[in-house]
Amino acid sequence: MAILIVVAVSGCKLRPDNGVTNAAAVHFAGVFIMDNIPSEPNLRIQKEPDVKVDSDNTYHISGTVEGFTSFNAPVTIEHFSETLRYMGGNPNEQASWECMEIYVGKKKLK
């Protein structure tokens, strides 16, 4: 009986911290927007976006992005949605994430 409890507790410790992974998903959503959308104005995520997780490590991030000119003046605000896949490993490394698609407004950008 004691061995069963030790195995159950050990298994729980191996699960990744969802808070850390969700925060990394939000961070890399902004990174992929900047990397994949060479545009003027520059887009930056505004406020804290919503994060939804599918069972297969697919993260759906949505919120608003604000466009800034080269003089750092805000010019536009658009809704965005992005789908990222966490492929395992360190959630704080970009190589652990795959950007599947990005929408800004109604336009698919990736």
Protein backbone atom coordinates (compact mmCIF):
# COMPACT_ATOMS: atom_id res chain seq x y z
CA MET A 1 0.00 0.00 0.00
CA ALA A 2 2.82 2.41 0.86
CA ILE A 3 4.49 1.79 -2.52
CA LEU A 4 1.29 2.76 -4.34
CA ILE A 5 1.14 6.10 -2.49
CA VAL A 6 4.81 6.84 -3.29
CA VAL A 7 4.23 6.10 -6.99
CA ALA A 8 1.12 8.31 -7.07
CA VAL A 9 2.93 11.21 -5.38
CA SER A 10 5.97 10.80 -7.65
CA GLY A 11 3.76 10.87 -10.74
CA CYS A 12 2.15 14.13 -9.63
CA LYS A 13 5.54 15.79 -9.20
CA LEU A 14 6.46 15.07 -12.84
CA ARG A 15 3.63 17.15 -14.30
CA PRO A 16 4.67 20.53 -15.69
CA ASP A 17 3.51 23.66 -13.91
CA ASN A 18 0.62 24.97 -16.03
CA GLY A 19 1.16 28.52 -14.80
CA VAL A 20 4.73 28.53 -16.10
CA THR A 21 3.70 27.01 -19.43
CA ASN A 22 0.78 29.43 -19.86
CA ALA A 23 3.07 32.41 -19.14
CA ALA A 24 5.60 31.08 -21.65
CA ALA A 25 2.82 30.66 -24.25
CA VAL A 26 1.82 34.32 -23.82
CA HIS A 27 5.45 35.41 -24.06
CA PHE A 28 6.12 33.43 -27.23
CA ALA A 29 2.84 34.60 -28.79
CA GLY A 30 4.34 38.09 -28.72
CA VAL A 31 7.69 36.80 -30.01
CA PHE A 32 6.09 34.99 -32.95
CA ILE A 33 3.99 38.06 -33.80
CA MET A 34 7.14 40.19 -33.97
CA ASP A 35 9.11 37.51 -35.88
CA ASN A 36 6.43 36.54 -38.41
CA ILE A 37 4.82 39.89 -39.16
CA PRO A 38 7.36 42.33 -40.54
CA SER A 39 5.18 45.39 -40.59
CA GLU A 40 4.96 49.04 -39.89
CA PRO A 41 3.50 49.71 -37.40
CA ASN A 42 5.17 47.26 -35.02
CA LEU A 43 2.65 45.12 -33.16
CA ARG A 44 2.76 44.51 -29.40
CA ILE A 45 0.39 42.49 -27.25
CA GLN A 46 -1.76 44.77 -25.13
CA LYS A 47 -2.78 43.71 -21.59
CA GLU A 48 -3.01 40.05 -20.61
CA PRO A 49 -4.42 37.79 -23.37
CA ASP A 50 -6.68 34.79 -22.83
CA VAL A 51 -5.02 31.37 -22.96
CA LYS A 52 -6.91 28.14 -23.66
CA VAL A 53 -5.17 24.77 -23.67
CA ASP A 54 -6.22 21.70 -25.67
CA SER A 55 -5.35 18.25 -24.43
CA ASP A 56 -2.63 17.83 -27.09
CA ASN A 57 -0.42 20.74 -25.86
CA THR A 58 -1.99 23.21 -28.30
CA TYR A 59 -2.43 26.70 -26.88
CA HIS A 60 -4.95 29.18 -28.27
CA ILE A 61 -4.02 32.74 -27.30
CA SER A 62 -6.30 35.67 -28.06
CA GLY A 63 -6.40 39.30 -27.11
CA THR A 64 -5.52 42.64 -28.61
CA VAL A 65 -2.39 43.98 -30.23
CA GLU A 66 -1.51 47.62 -30.53
CA GLY A 67 0.43 49.00 -33.46
CA PHE A 68 3.22 51.51 -32.84
CA THR A 69 5.06 53.72 -35.32
CA SER A 70 8.84 53.95 -35.41
CA PHE A 71 8.49 56.96 -33.09
CA ASN A 72 6.74 54.71 -30.52
CA ALA A 73 3.38 56.42 -30.99
CA PRO A 74 0.31 54.12 -30.82
CA VAL A 75 -1.72 54.04 -34.04
CA THR A 76 -4.00 50.99 -34.16
CA ILE A 77 -5.58 48.37 -31.94
CA GLU A 78 -6.61 45.02 -33.42
CA HIS A 79 -7.87 41.70 -32.09
CA PHE A 80 -5.44 38.80 -32.55
CA SER A 81 -5.56 35.05 -32.15
CA GLU A 82 -2.64 32.71 -32.31
CA THR A 83 -2.25 28.95 -32.09
CA LEU A 84 0.96 27.59 -30.59
CA ARG A 85 2.01 24.01 -29.96
CA TYR A 86 4.21 23.18 -26.98
CA MET A 87 6.52 20.40 -28.17
CA GLY A 88 8.07 19.61 -24.79
CA GLY A 89 11.30 20.53 -23.11
CA ASN A 90 11.99 23.85 -21.43
CA PRO A 91 8.89 26.05 -21.88
CA ASN A 92 11.10 29.15 -21.65
CA GLU A 93 12.99 28.31 -24.87
CA GLN A 94 11.58 29.26 -28.27
CA ALA A 95 12.68 25.91 -29.73
CA SER A 96 10.06 24.23 -27.50
CA TRP A 97 7.23 26.06 -29.30
CA GLU A 98 5.77 25.89 -32.81
CA CYS A 99 3.65 28.73 -34.15
CA MET A 100 0.84 27.13 -36.17
CA GLU A 101 -1.21 30.19 -37.17
CA ILE A 102 -1.66 33.88 -36.46
CA TYR A 103 -4.68 36.06 -37.18
CA VAL A 104 -4.68 39.83 -36.69
CA GLY A 105 -8.12 41.27 -37.25
CA LYS A 106 -9.70 39.05 -39.92
CA LYS A 107 -6.42 38.55 -41.76
CA LYS A 108 -4.49 35.28 -41.53
CA LEU A 109 -0.80 36.17 -41.34
CA LYS A 110 0.68 32.72 -40.83
